[in-house]
Amino acid sequence: MIGMIEALLAAPADQRLFKRGDAWITAGDVRAMAARAELPPGADAIYLHTSSAAHFLAGLLAAAAEDRTVALPAHTQDAYLSELGCSQGMLVKDSSFESGAPQRKLDGAARDPSLVFFTSGSTGFPKRVVKNLSRVDVEAHTLDRAWGAEASHVIATVSHQHIYGLLFRIAWPLISGRTSDDAPATYWEDLEGAFAGATLVASPAHLTRLPPRTDLFRPPPALIFSSGGLLPAPAAQACIQAFGLPVTEVLGSTETGGIAWRRQTEPDAPWAPFAGVTVTQDDGEMIVRSPNLQDDAPMRTGDVAELLEDGSFRLKPRGDRVVKVEGKRVSLTRVEEALAALPEISAAVALTLPARGDALAAVAELSAAGRQQLAAHGAFRFTRALRAALSDALEPSERPKHWRFPDLIPMDLQGKRVLSTLHALFESDPLEPLALDIRAQSETEAEIAFTLAPELIFFSGHFPDRPILPGVAQAHIAALLAQKLWDQAPSDANLSKLKFKRVLAPNERVTLHLKRDAARGRISFRYKLGEIEISEGEIGGVTP
């Protein structure tokens, strides 16, 4: 079985590997990058983080040539790197491959270097997971046996810094002689015209947020993959409508590698284990034996499974999400199911707040009816009504006491809800990071300038590798600032006359012009970046 290192060293110099714009990066290019890569001297491990897949592969080869371990931080924010014991100066990044003379020979590269991934685990703090490259190679060959006949050039919306992106964007194409895009797309529009016959590697975070322009996806891809979280059944059906084919979901984790796969042509479709993977259970808890595991010992996953006669299985609510609230055991899964059953709520996540004595809290995306009720009654009366509506399904200790209603529940690019980000929603005024420069204010109009601080909560989940402030968040900030300036929120959550010309990025300085119609409860907003019009619209006050 050929591995990634062997495949890269044996490939002809002119073999195409990655597409960057209209140009191609070849195996010879990657080997040249690896030979001249600037690695921190004296360390047994390097911290590798790049936006370019070619640079990533070159860094992996350079580290293997020096028999170093490769640690893969998920992002490069200072506080996160500090938790990992890494400084910015220790990072190997895209600029490390841009120039310089050859520094190392590659022929003696170690074939099986150690990789260190960092996951949030169940605590929200980075957890080290060590995996040898040979285990990644094994899984890449499993993917090729399963879908090699259908696979083609890879396009993606996920980062290669995680095991899923590394496997599907780099390892599998490399060992099978296929090509992939050098960088993932942040927005669906970035992939317009690229879907035809391609292999699309995406996440639930993107697939649950399809744009209304389904013509973007024509001609359609040949394969669509999703991993990192479960794709809700309605989203799976929406993808079938948009792309004309079902999504192939892959179940697994950094520790286990791929366990099983399914296509939700019907709700709650069962999962089929990959070849070589054995799934059993003990008191309902799923136990996995797999060649993708770092060692050969069986591993408990924490999932609760129902095994079916044909060897497939269905997942049940996890058994490890039970917490103590007011001295009583509370299932967070049970709370989330009760919340999602309310007509006012589209999706919800339950959590406890250590800073508030482990009080039970909920973060919920509201339905149209929920948004109307929140606007009409205010947060206090609305949350009391939600607690009352839960009384038939939940005991008093199971009903959340603290609530937040973001436009979208923050998720990372892998479709996972990051606990630390959810906690941050309850910690402070969401506008606190903005140093507001109120240039003009009257009873009806105001002009405010501010810099979009990177720590602004609205950047969370949109997206860790390339954070943006989407249009809906721009409207939400405008509503919050109107309430701060005039103590008057829009009459409802209706949006009209919207023009979103571009998203905004951290550290950009914008000017926001606000105008209010107090009688109708309407707020008008317009954002500018210098002289560039960014967005405009109206919130509330829409006559039915």
Protein backbone atom coordinates (compact mmCIF):
# COMPACT_ATOMS: atom_id res chain seq x y z
CA MET A 1 0.00 0.00 0.00
CA ILE A 2 1.53 3.30 -1.09
CA GLY A 3 1.37 6.15 1.40
CA MET A 4 1.29 9.93 1.00
CA ILE A 5 5.05 10.42 1.38
CA GLU A 6 5.90 7.64 -1.08
CA ALA A 7 3.31 8.93 -3.57
CA LEU A 8 4.68 12.47 -3.41
CA LEU A 9 8.32 11.41 -3.79
CA ALA A 10 7.56 9.01 -6.66
CA ALA A 11 5.27 11.31 -8.65
CA PRO A 12 6.65 12.76 -11.93
CA ALA A 13 7.75 16.35 -11.50
CA ASP A 14 5.07 17.61 -13.88
CA GLN A 15 2.19 15.67 -12.25
CA ARG A 16 -0.56 18.11 -11.35
CA LEU A 17 -1.64 18.07 -7.69
CA PHE A 18 -3.42 21.32 -6.79
CA LYS A 19 -5.27 23.98 -8.75
CA ARG A 20 -4.72 27.61 -7.71
CA GLY A 21 -6.84 29.96 -9.79
CA ASP A 22 -6.07 29.11 -13.40
CA ALA A 23 -2.62 27.68 -12.59
CA TRP A 24 -1.50 24.24 -11.46
CA ILE A 25 0.91 23.27 -8.69
CA THR A 26 2.84 20.11 -9.54
CA ALA A 27 4.56 17.43 -7.52
CA GLY A 28 7.88 18.99 -8.48
CA ASP A 29 6.70 22.35 -7.16
CA VAL A 30 5.70 20.82 -3.83
CA ARG A 31 9.00 18.97 -3.47
CA ALA A 32 10.89 22.22 -4.19
CA MET A 33 8.81 24.01 -1.54
CA ALA A 34 9.61 21.26 0.96
CA ALA A 35 13.33 21.46 0.25
CA ARG A 36 13.47 25.23 0.94
CA ALA A 37 10.84 25.41 3.73
CA GLU A 38 11.88 27.47 6.73
CA LEU A 39 11.27 25.34 9.85
CA PRO A 40 11.90 26.55 13.42
CA PRO A 41 15.34 25.23 14.43
CA GLY A 42 15.93 22.88 17.33
CA ALA A 43 12.37 21.70 18.01
CA ASP A 44 11.24 18.08 17.82
CA ALA A 45 7.84 19.20 16.53
CA ILE A 46 6.62 21.89 14.18
CA TYR A 47 3.27 23.69 14.33
CA LEU A 48 1.95 23.74 10.77
CA HIS A 49 -0.92 25.99 9.69
CA THR A 50 -1.43 27.12 6.10
CA SER A 51 -4.27 28.26 3.89
CA SER A 52 -2.65 26.48 0.92
CA ALA A 53 -2.94 22.69 0.64
CA ALA A 54 0.29 22.66 -1.40
CA HIS A 55 2.15 24.48 1.37
CA PHE A 56 0.67 22.10 3.92
CA LEU A 57 1.85 19.05 1.99
CA ALA A 58 5.28 20.63 1.53
CA GLY A 59 5.48 21.30 5.26
CA LEU A 60 4.54 17.70 6.02
CA LEU A 61 7.27 16.42 3.68
CA ALA A 62 9.87 18.83 5.10
CA ALA A 63 9.06 17.72 8.66
CA ALA A 64 9.23 14.06 7.62
CA ALA A 65 12.66 14.68 6.06
CA GLU A 66 13.87 15.87 9.47
CA ASP A 67 11.91 13.20 11.38
CA ARG A 68 9.83 15.78 13.22
CA THR A 69 6.32 15.50 14.65
CA VAL A 70 3.73 17.74 12.95
CA ALA A 71 1.21 19.54 15.17
CA LEU A 72 -1.87 20.95 13.41
CA PRO A 73 -3.53 23.90 15.20
CA ALA A 74 -7.09 24.51 14.04
CA HIS A 75 -6.53 28.28 13.79
CA THR A 76 -3.92 30.87 14.74
CA GLN A 77 -5.53 33.23 17.24
CA ASP A 78 -3.03 34.18 19.96
CA ALA A 79 -5.06 32.95 22.95
CA TYR A 80 -5.64 29.57 21.31
CA LEU A 81 -1.98 29.13 20.36
CA SER A 82 -1.00 30.01 23.92
CA GLU A 83 -3.17 27.15 25.18
CA LEU A 84 -1.27 24.83 22.83
CA GLY A 85 2.12 26.09 24.04
CA CYS A 86 2.87 27.66 20.67
CA SER A 87 3.79 31.24 19.83
CA GLN A 88 3.33 32.97 16.47
CA GLY A 89 7.09 32.69 15.94
CA MET A 90 6.92 28.89 16.18
CA LEU A 91 4.35 28.56 13.37
CA VAL A 92 5.20 27.19 9.95
CA LYS A 93 2.82 29.10 7.66
CA ASP A 94 2.35 30.03 4.03
CA SER A 95 5.17 32.59 4.08
CA SER A 96 7.60 29.85 5.18
CA PHE A 97 7.58 28.44 1.63
CA GLU A 98 7.77 31.58 -0.48
CA SER A 99 11.52 31.98 -0.95
CA GLY A 100 14.95 30.72 -0.02
CA ALA A 101 17.47 28.15 -1.20
CA PRO A 102 17.14 24.37 -0.72
CA GLN A 103 17.94 23.44 2.88
CA ARG A 104 17.33 19.70 3.06
CA LYS A 105 17.34 16.46 1.10
CA LEU A 106 14.00 14.69 0.86
CA ASP A 107 14.82 11.13 -0.25
CA GLY A 108 15.32 9.90 3.31
CA ALA A 109 12.05 11.32 4.60
CA ALA A 110 10.37 9.28 7.33
CA ARG A 111 7.41 7.43 5.86
CA ASP A 112 5.32 7.44 9.02
CA PRO A 113 5.63 10.73 10.95
CA SER A 114 3.36 11.49 13.91
CA LEU A 115 0.57 14.03 13.50
CA VAL A 116 -0.95 15.90 16.45
CA PHE A 117 -4.51 17.14 15.97
CA PHE A 118 -6.33 19.41 18.40
CA THR A 119 -10.03 18.89 19.03
CA SER A 120 -12.39 20.65 21.41
CA GLY A 121 -13.49 17.35 22.96
CA SER A 122 -16.35 17.67 25.45
CA THR A 123 -14.81 20.56 27.39
CA GLY A 124 -14.36 23.19 24.71
CA PHE A 125 -10.59 23.29 25.38
CA PRO A 126 -7.98 21.90 22.98
CA LYS A 127 -7.43 18.15 23.32
CA ARG A 128 -4.35 16.54 21.75
CA VAL A 129 -4.95 13.54 19.50
CA VAL A 130 -1.84 11.81 18.14
CA LYS A 131 -2.14 9.78 14.95
CA ASN A 132 0.56 8.34 12.71
CA LEU A 133 0.41 9.25 9.03
CA SER A 134 0.15 5.54 8.18
CA ARG A 135 -3.33 5.49 9.73
CA VAL A 136 -4.35 8.36 7.47
CA ASP A 137 -2.93 6.44 4.50
CA VAL A 138 -5.03 3.38 5.40
CA GLU A 139 -8.20 5.44 5.53
CA ALA A 140 -7.43 7.19 2.24
CA HIS A 141 -7.20 3.79 0.53
CA THR A 142 -10.53 2.79 2.13
CA LEU A 143 -12.14 5.88 0.60
CA ASP A 144 -10.67 5.10 -2.79
CA ARG A 145 -12.00 1.54 -2.73
CA ALA A 146 -15.45 2.82 -1.79
CA TRP A 147 -15.80 5.77 -4.19
CA GLY A 148 -12.74 5.84 -6.44
CA ALA A 149 -14.80 4.97 -9.52
CA GLU A 150 -17.01 8.06 -8.98
CA ALA A 151 -14.41 10.53 -7.65
CA SER A 152 -12.81 13.35 -9.62
CA HIS A 153 -11.24 16.77 -8.98
CA VAL A 154 -11.92 17.88 -5.39
CA ILE A 155 -13.47 21.22 -4.50
CA ALA A 156 -14.18 22.04 -0.87
CA THR A 157 -15.45 24.36 1.83
CA VAL A 158 -13.47 22.75 4.69
CA SER A 159 -9.94 23.23 6.00
CA HIS A 160 -7.18 20.63 5.66
CA GLN A 161 -6.09 21.41 9.25
CA HIS A 162 -8.68 18.87 10.44
CA ILE A 163 -8.60 15.12 9.79
CA TYR A 164 -11.64 15.28 7.49
CA GLY A 165 -10.18 17.93 5.18
CA LEU A 166 -6.72 16.35 5.27
CA LEU A 167 -8.14 13.01 4.17
CA PHE A 168 -10.52 14.17 1.46
CA ARG A 169 -8.60 17.15 0.06
CA ILE A 170 -4.98 15.93 0.23
CA ALA A 171 -4.44 12.29 1.22
CA TRP A 172 -7.07 10.59 -0.96
CA PRO A 173 -6.37 12.64 -4.12
CA LEU A 174 -2.60 12.20 -3.68
CA ILE A 175 -2.57 8.41 -3.29
CA SER A 176 -5.06 7.97 -6.15
CA GLY A 177 -3.46 10.37 -8.65
CA ARG A 178 -6.32 12.90 -8.62
CA THR A 179 -6.24 16.66 -8.18
CA SER A 180 -7.86 19.14 -5.81
CA ASP A 181 -8.24 22.87 -5.26
CA ASP A 182 -5.37 24.45 -3.36
CA ALA A 183 -7.64 26.44 -1.03
CA PRO A 184 -11.17 25.91 0.27
CA ALA A 185 -14.00 28.25 -0.67
CA THR A 186 -15.53 30.45 2.01
CA TYR A 187 -18.73 31.29 0.13
CA TRP A 188 -20.79 29.17 -2.23
CA GLU A 189 -20.44 31.91 -4.83
CA ASP A 190 -16.67 31.28 -4.88
CA LEU A 191 -17.38 27.88 -6.46
CA GLU A 192 -19.74 29.07 -9.20
CA GLY A 193 -18.92 27.20 -12.40
CA ALA A 194 -16.68 24.69 -10.59
CA PHE A 195 -19.22 22.05 -9.57
CA ALA A 196 -19.54 20.19 -12.88
CA GLY A 197 -18.59 16.56 -12.24
CA ALA A 198 -16.43 17.49 -9.24
CA THR A 199 -16.17 15.88 -5.81
CA LEU A 200 -17.53 18.42 -3.31
CA VAL A 201 -16.18 18.12 0.24
CA ALA A 202 -18.36 20.23 2.55
CA SER A 203 -19.61 20.40 6.12
CA PRO A 204 -23.03 20.61 7.78
CA ALA A 205 -22.23 24.26 8.52
CA HIS A 206 -22.30 25.00 4.78
CA LEU A 207 -24.86 22.44 3.64
CA THR A 208 -27.50 23.70 6.09
CA ARG A 209 -27.03 27.23 4.71
CA LEU A 210 -27.52 26.88 0.98
CA PRO A 211 -28.02 30.12 -0.97
CA PRO A 212 -31.35 30.73 -2.72
CA ARG A 213 -29.52 30.73 -6.08
CA THR A 214 -29.50 27.00 -6.78
CA ASP A 215 -28.38 27.77 -10.33
CA LEU A 216 -24.92 28.14 -8.75
CA PHE A 217 -24.78 24.35 -8.52
CA ARG A 218 -25.35 23.71 -12.22
CA PRO A 219 -23.94 21.57 -13.72
CA PRO A 220 -23.92 19.55 -10.47
CA PRO A 221 -21.05 17.71 -8.77
CA ALA A 222 -20.66 13.96 -9.10
CA LEU A 223 -20.19 13.35 -5.36
CA ILE A 224 -20.94 15.38 -2.22
CA PHE A 225 -19.41 14.55 1.17
CA SER A 226 -20.23 15.90 4.61
CA SER A 227 -18.63 15.14 7.97
CA GLY A 228 -17.89 16.67 11.37
CA GLY A 229 -21.50 16.58 12.52
CA LEU A 230 -24.86 15.08 11.58
CA LEU A 231 -26.68 16.67 8.66
CA PRO A 232 -30.29 17.35 9.73
CA ALA A 233 -32.86 15.46 7.67
CA PRO A 234 -34.50 18.65 6.27
CA ALA A 235 -31.08 19.90 5.14
CA ALA A 236 -30.34 16.54 3.51
CA GLN A 237 -33.58 16.81 1.51
CA ALA A 238 -32.81 20.43 0.60
CA CYS A 239 -29.43 19.32 -0.77
CA ILE A 240 -31.10 16.67 -2.93
CA GLN A 241 -33.37 19.38 -4.35
CA ALA A 242 -30.49 21.83 -4.90
CA PHE A 243 -27.81 19.46 -6.27
CA GLY A 244 -29.93 16.68 -7.73
CA LEU A 245 -28.11 13.97 -5.72
CA PRO A 246 -27.87 12.93 -2.05
CA VAL A 247 -25.05 13.89 0.29
CA THR A 248 -22.74 11.11 1.46
CA GLU A 249 -22.32 11.64 5.20
CA VAL A 250 -19.27 10.21 6.96
CA LEU A 251 -19.50 9.42 10.67
CA GLY A 252 -16.32 9.48 12.72
CA SER A 253 -13.95 11.56 14.78
CA THR A 254 -10.31 12.52 14.86
CA GLU A 255 -9.64 9.61 17.22
CA THR A 256 -11.63 6.93 15.37
CA GLY A 257 -11.27 8.05 11.76
CA GLY A 258 -14.20 7.15 9.55
CA ILE A 259 -16.62 4.66 11.12
CA ALA A 260 -19.56 4.52 8.75
CA TRP A 261 -21.43 6.35 6.00
CA ARG A 262 -24.99 6.95 4.84
CA ARG A 263 -27.12 8.82 2.32
CA GLN A 264 -30.31 10.32 3.75
CA THR A 265 -32.72 9.67 0.91
CA GLU A 266 -35.19 9.17 3.76
CA PRO A 267 -35.13 10.52 7.34
CA ASP A 268 -32.99 8.68 9.92
CA ALA A 269 -31.32 6.48 7.31
CA PRO A 270 -29.06 3.85 8.95
CA TRP A 271 -25.27 3.97 8.86
CA ALA A 272 -23.19 1.35 7.03
CA PRO A 273 -19.75 0.63 8.58
CA PHE A 274 -16.70 1.02 6.34
CA ALA A 275 -14.85 -2.10 5.21
CA GLY A 276 -12.62 -3.33 8.03
CA VAL A 277 -14.59 -1.46 10.72
CA THR A 278 -16.51 -3.49 13.30
CA VAL A 279 -19.26 -1.90 15.38
CA THR A 280 -20.55 -3.58 18.55
CA GLN A 281 -22.18 -2.22 21.67
CA ASP A 282 -22.08 -2.56 25.42
CA ASP A 283 -25.22 -1.50 27.26
CA GLY A 284 -26.17 0.49 24.17
CA GLU A 285 -22.85 2.35 23.88
CA MET A 286 -21.10 1.94 20.53
CA ILE A 287 -17.68 0.25 20.49
CA VAL A 288 -15.49 0.49 17.39
CA ARG A 289 -12.64 -1.71 16.16
CA SER A 290 -10.93 -0.17 13.16
CA PRO A 291 -7.64 -0.01 11.22
CA ASN A 292 -8.02 3.78 11.44
CA LEU A 293 -7.46 3.81 15.20
CA GLN A 294 -4.00 4.72 16.47
CA ASP A 295 -3.73 1.33 18.20
CA ASP A 296 -5.60 -1.92 17.78
CA ALA A 297 -7.61 -1.71 21.02
CA PRO A 298 -11.40 -1.26 20.72
CA MET A 299 -12.68 2.24 21.45
CA ARG A 300 -15.87 3.45 23.09
CA THR A 301 -17.30 6.40 21.18
CA GLY A 302 -19.88 7.71 23.65
CA ASP A 303 -22.59 7.24 21.00
CA VAL A 304 -25.66 5.15 21.66
CA ALA A 305 -26.47 2.85 18.74
CA GLU A 306 -29.21 0.48 17.69
CA LEU A 307 -27.62 -2.39 15.74
CA LEU A 308 -29.64 -3.74 12.82
CA GLU A 309 -29.65 -7.27 11.41
CA ASP A 310 -27.80 -6.34 8.21
CA GLY A 311 -24.83 -4.92 10.15
CA SER A 312 -25.86 -1.27 9.83
CA PHE A 313 -26.96 0.83 12.79
CA ARG A 314 -28.92 3.89 13.83
CA LEU A 315 -27.68 6.48 16.28
CA LYS A 316 -29.68 7.37 19.37
CA PRO A 317 -29.22 10.44 21.57
CA ARG A 318 -25.78 10.38 23.19
CA GLY A 319 -25.54 8.95 26.66
CA ASP A 320 -22.78 11.26 27.92
CA ARG A 321 -24.64 14.58 27.94
CA VAL A 322 -26.09 14.35 31.43
CA VAL A 323 -25.28 17.22 33.80
CA LYS A 324 -26.16 18.20 37.35
CA VAL A 325 -28.51 21.19 37.70
CA GLU A 326 -29.67 22.18 41.17
CA GLY A 327 -28.54 18.77 42.39
CA LYS A 328 -30.62 16.88 39.82
CA ARG A 329 -29.46 14.96 36.75
CA VAL A 330 -30.53 16.66 33.52
CA SER A 331 -30.13 15.29 29.99
CA LEU A 332 -29.09 18.12 27.69
CA THR A 333 -30.24 16.03 24.73
CA ARG A 334 -33.72 15.75 26.23
CA VAL A 335 -33.84 19.52 26.80
CA GLU A 336 -32.76 20.20 23.20
CA GLU A 337 -35.42 17.85 21.82
CA ALA A 338 -38.12 19.61 23.84
CA LEU A 339 -36.91 23.02 22.69
CA ALA A 340 -36.81 22.01 19.03
CA ALA A 341 -40.40 20.74 19.30
CA LEU A 342 -41.68 24.25 20.08
CA PRO A 343 -43.08 26.11 17.05
CA GLU A 344 -41.14 29.23 18.02
CA ILE A 345 -37.74 27.47 17.77
CA SER A 346 -35.99 26.10 14.67
CA ALA A 347 -32.86 24.72 16.36
CA ALA A 348 -31.43 24.82 19.87
CA VAL A 349 -28.48 23.80 22.00
CA ALA A 350 -28.59 23.42 25.79
CA LEU A 351 -25.60 24.00 28.05
CA THR A 352 -24.66 24.87 31.62
CA LEU A 353 -22.91 28.07 32.65
CA PRO A 354 -20.06 27.50 35.14
CA ALA A 355 -19.77 31.25 35.76
CA ARG A 356 -23.41 31.28 36.90
CA GLY A 357 -23.37 28.29 39.23
CA ASP A 358 -23.91 25.74 36.44
CA ALA A 359 -27.31 27.24 35.64
CA LEU A 360 -29.07 25.74 32.63
CA ALA A 361 -29.05 27.89 29.48
CA ALA A 362 -30.29 27.66 25.91
CA VAL A 363 -29.07 29.15 22.63
CA ALA A 364 -31.86 29.01 20.06
CA GLU A 365 -32.47 29.94 16.45
CA LEU A 366 -36.03 31.25 16.20
CA SER A 367 -38.63 30.47 13.57
CA ALA A 368 -40.48 33.31 11.87
CA ALA A 369 -43.22 32.97 14.49
CA GLY A 370 -40.64 33.06 17.27
CA ARG A 371 -39.00 36.20 15.90
CA GLN A 372 -42.38 37.93 15.71
CA GLN A 373 -43.21 37.00 19.32
CA LEU A 374 -39.80 38.15 20.58
CA ALA A 375 -40.23 41.50 18.84
CA ALA A 376 -43.80 41.90 20.07
CA HIS A 377 -43.32 40.90 23.73
CA GLY A 378 -39.64 41.50 24.50
CA ALA A 379 -37.09 39.00 25.75
CA PHE A 380 -38.34 38.76 29.35
CA ARG A 381 -41.98 37.93 28.56
CA PHE A 382 -40.99 35.77 25.60
CA THR A 383 -38.65 33.54 27.61
CA ARG A 384 -41.25 33.19 30.38
CA ALA A 385 -43.71 31.99 27.74
CA LEU A 386 -41.16 29.48 26.42
CA ARG A 387 -40.56 28.11 29.93
CA ALA A 388 -44.32 27.74 30.39
CA ALA A 389 -44.63 25.94 27.05
CA LEU A 390 -41.97 23.46 28.19
CA SER A 391 -43.83 22.57 31.39
CA ASP A 392 -45.65 19.60 29.82
CA ALA A 393 -42.38 18.02 28.65
CA LEU A 394 -39.76 19.07 31.21
CA GLU A 395 -39.38 19.30 34.97
CA PRO A 396 -38.58 22.75 36.43
CA SER A 397 -34.87 21.90 36.75
CA GLU A 398 -34.82 20.97 33.03
CA ARG A 399 -36.14 24.33 31.81
CA PRO A 400 -33.45 26.86 30.84
CA LYS A 401 -33.13 29.98 32.95
CA HIS A 402 -30.83 31.91 30.61
CA TRP A 403 -31.47 32.43 26.92
CA ARG A 404 -29.76 33.79 23.83
CA PHE A 405 -31.32 34.12 20.36
CA PRO A 406 -28.59 34.58 17.70
CA ASP A 407 -29.56 34.66 14.04
CA LEU A 408 -27.56 31.43 13.64
CA ILE A 409 -26.15 29.14 16.30
CA PRO A 410 -22.36 29.58 16.03
CA MET A 411 -20.63 26.59 14.45
CA ASP A 412 -17.14 25.95 13.17
CA LEU A 413 -16.38 24.86 9.62
CA GLN A 414 -16.78 21.24 10.60
CA GLY A 415 -20.37 21.89 11.66
CA LYS A 416 -19.61 21.55 15.36
CA ARG A 417 -20.88 23.83 18.09
CA VAL A 418 -17.93 25.18 20.04
CA LEU A 419 -18.71 25.31 23.75
CA SER A 420 -16.41 28.24 24.48
CA THR A 421 -18.15 30.32 21.79
CA LEU A 422 -21.59 29.48 23.17
CA HIS A 423 -20.46 30.45 26.69
CA ALA A 424 -19.22 33.78 25.34
CA LEU A 425 -22.77 34.67 24.29
CA PHE A 426 -23.68 34.92 27.97
CA GLU A 427 -20.58 36.70 29.23
CA SER A 428 -20.95 40.33 28.16
CA ASP A 429 -22.57 42.94 25.96
CA PRO A 430 -22.01 41.63 22.41
CA LEU A 431 -21.11 45.16 21.28
CA GLU A 432 -18.55 45.72 24.04
CA PRO A 433 -15.51 45.12 21.74
CA LEU A 434 -16.61 48.04 19.53
CA ALA A 435 -15.00 51.39 20.40
CA LEU A 436 -17.89 53.52 19.14
CA ASP A 437 -17.15 56.93 17.62
CA ILE A 438 -20.55 58.65 17.54
CA ARG A 439 -19.97 61.38 14.97
CA ALA A 440 -23.53 62.70 14.89
CA GLN A 441 -26.77 61.97 16.72
CA SER A 442 -30.20 63.52 16.72
CA GLU A 443 -33.65 62.27 17.65
CA THR A 444 -33.99 60.56 14.28
CA GLU A 445 -30.51 60.00 12.83
CA ALA A 446 -27.03 58.97 13.89
CA GLU A 447 -23.66 58.31 12.29
CA ILE A 448 -21.26 55.97 14.07
CA ALA A 449 -17.76 54.82 13.12
CA PHE A 450 -16.14 51.73 14.60
CA THR A 451 -13.52 49.09 13.88
CA LEU A 452 -14.75 45.49 13.68
CA ALA A 453 -12.69 43.98 16.51
CA PRO A 454 -11.71 40.33 15.84
CA GLU A 455 -13.17 39.25 19.20
CA LEU A 456 -16.66 40.44 18.21
CA ILE A 457 -18.98 37.51 18.93
CA PHE A 458 -20.64 37.79 15.51
CA PHE A 459 -17.44 36.55 13.85
CA SER A 460 -17.74 33.22 15.70
CA GLY A 461 -18.76 30.40 13.38
CA HIS A 462 -18.43 32.50 10.18
CA PHE A 463 -15.74 31.01 9.79
CA PRO A 464 -12.72 30.14 12.00
CA ASP A 465 -10.22 30.05 9.11
CA ARG A 466 -11.55 33.19 7.45
CA PRO A 467 -13.95 35.03 9.78
CA ILE A 468 -16.55 37.27 8.20
CA LEU A 469 -19.42 39.47 9.31
CA PRO A 470 -22.34 38.29 7.17
CA GLY A 471 -25.20 40.51 6.10
CA VAL A 472 -27.65 39.24 8.70
CA ALA A 473 -25.15 40.10 11.46
CA GLN A 474 -24.69 43.58 10.00
CA ALA A 475 -28.46 44.10 10.33
CA HIS A 476 -28.44 42.71 13.87
CA ILE A 477 -25.65 45.09 14.98
CA ALA A 478 -27.61 48.00 13.48
CA ALA A 479 -30.67 47.02 15.54
CA LEU A 480 -28.61 46.70 18.74
CA LEU A 481 -26.97 50.08 18.23
CA ALA A 482 -30.33 51.72 17.55
CA GLN A 483 -31.59 50.34 20.84
CA LYS A 484 -28.44 51.56 22.61
CA LEU A 485 -28.73 55.09 21.16
CA TRP A 486 -32.48 55.67 21.37
CA ASP A 487 -33.64 52.96 23.76
CA GLN A 488 -35.96 51.72 21.04
CA ALA A 489 -35.72 48.41 19.23
CA PRO A 490 -37.35 47.81 15.83
CA SER A 491 -41.02 46.89 16.11
CA ASP A 492 -40.35 43.41 14.70
CA ALA A 493 -37.66 41.31 13.03
CA ASN A 494 -38.83 41.87 9.46
CA LEU A 495 -36.13 42.96 7.02
CA SER A 496 -36.86 44.86 3.81
CA LYS A 497 -35.15 46.84 1.03
CA LEU A 498 -31.99 44.88 1.68
CA LYS A 499 -28.85 45.27 -0.41
CA PHE A 500 -25.84 43.31 0.82
CA LYS A 501 -22.94 44.03 -1.53
CA ARG A 502 -20.15 42.31 0.42
CA VAL A 503 -19.31 40.76 3.78
CA LEU A 504 -16.99 42.47 6.25
CA ALA A 505 -13.79 41.16 7.80
CA PRO A 506 -12.10 41.68 11.20
CA ASN A 507 -10.23 44.96 11.70
CA GLU A 508 -12.10 46.79 8.93
CA ARG A 509 -13.29 50.25 9.97
CA VAL A 510 -16.83 51.07 8.92
CA THR A 511 -19.27 53.94 9.16
CA LEU A 512 -22.88 53.12 10.02
CA HIS A 513 -25.67 55.59 9.31
CA LEU A 514 -28.88 54.93 11.25
CA LYS A 515 -32.29 56.53 10.84
CA ARG A 516 -35.37 55.79 12.88
CA ASP A 517 -39.08 56.20 12.32
CA ALA A 518 -40.25 56.08 15.95
CA ALA A 519 -43.94 56.08 15.07
CA ARG A 520 -43.65 52.98 12.90
CA GLY A 521 -40.89 51.26 14.86
CA ARG A 522 -38.65 51.20 11.80
CA ILE A 523 -34.85 51.43 11.70
CA SER A 524 -33.00 52.14 8.43
CA PHE A 525 -29.29 51.38 8.19
CA ARG A 526 -26.46 51.90 5.73
CA TYR A 527 -22.86 50.67 6.12
CA LYS A 528 -19.90 52.20 4.28
CA LEU A 529 -16.24 51.21 4.16
CA GLY A 530 -14.59 54.49 3.28
CA GLU A 531 -16.55 55.54 0.20
CA ILE A 532 -17.60 51.98 -0.63
CA GLU A 533 -21.26 51.10 -0.04
CA ILE A 534 -21.40 47.83 1.89
CA SER A 535 -25.05 47.25 2.76
CA GLU A 536 -28.35 48.92 3.49
CA GLY A 537 -31.83 48.00 4.54
CA GLU A 538 -34.76 48.50 6.90
CA ILE A 539 -35.69 46.60 10.05
CA GLY A 540 -39.21 46.48 11.45
CA GLY A 541 -42.17 48.68 10.76
CA VAL A 542 -43.34 46.63 7.78
CA THR A 543 -47.07 46.83 7.27
CA PRO A 544 -48.53 43.31 6.77
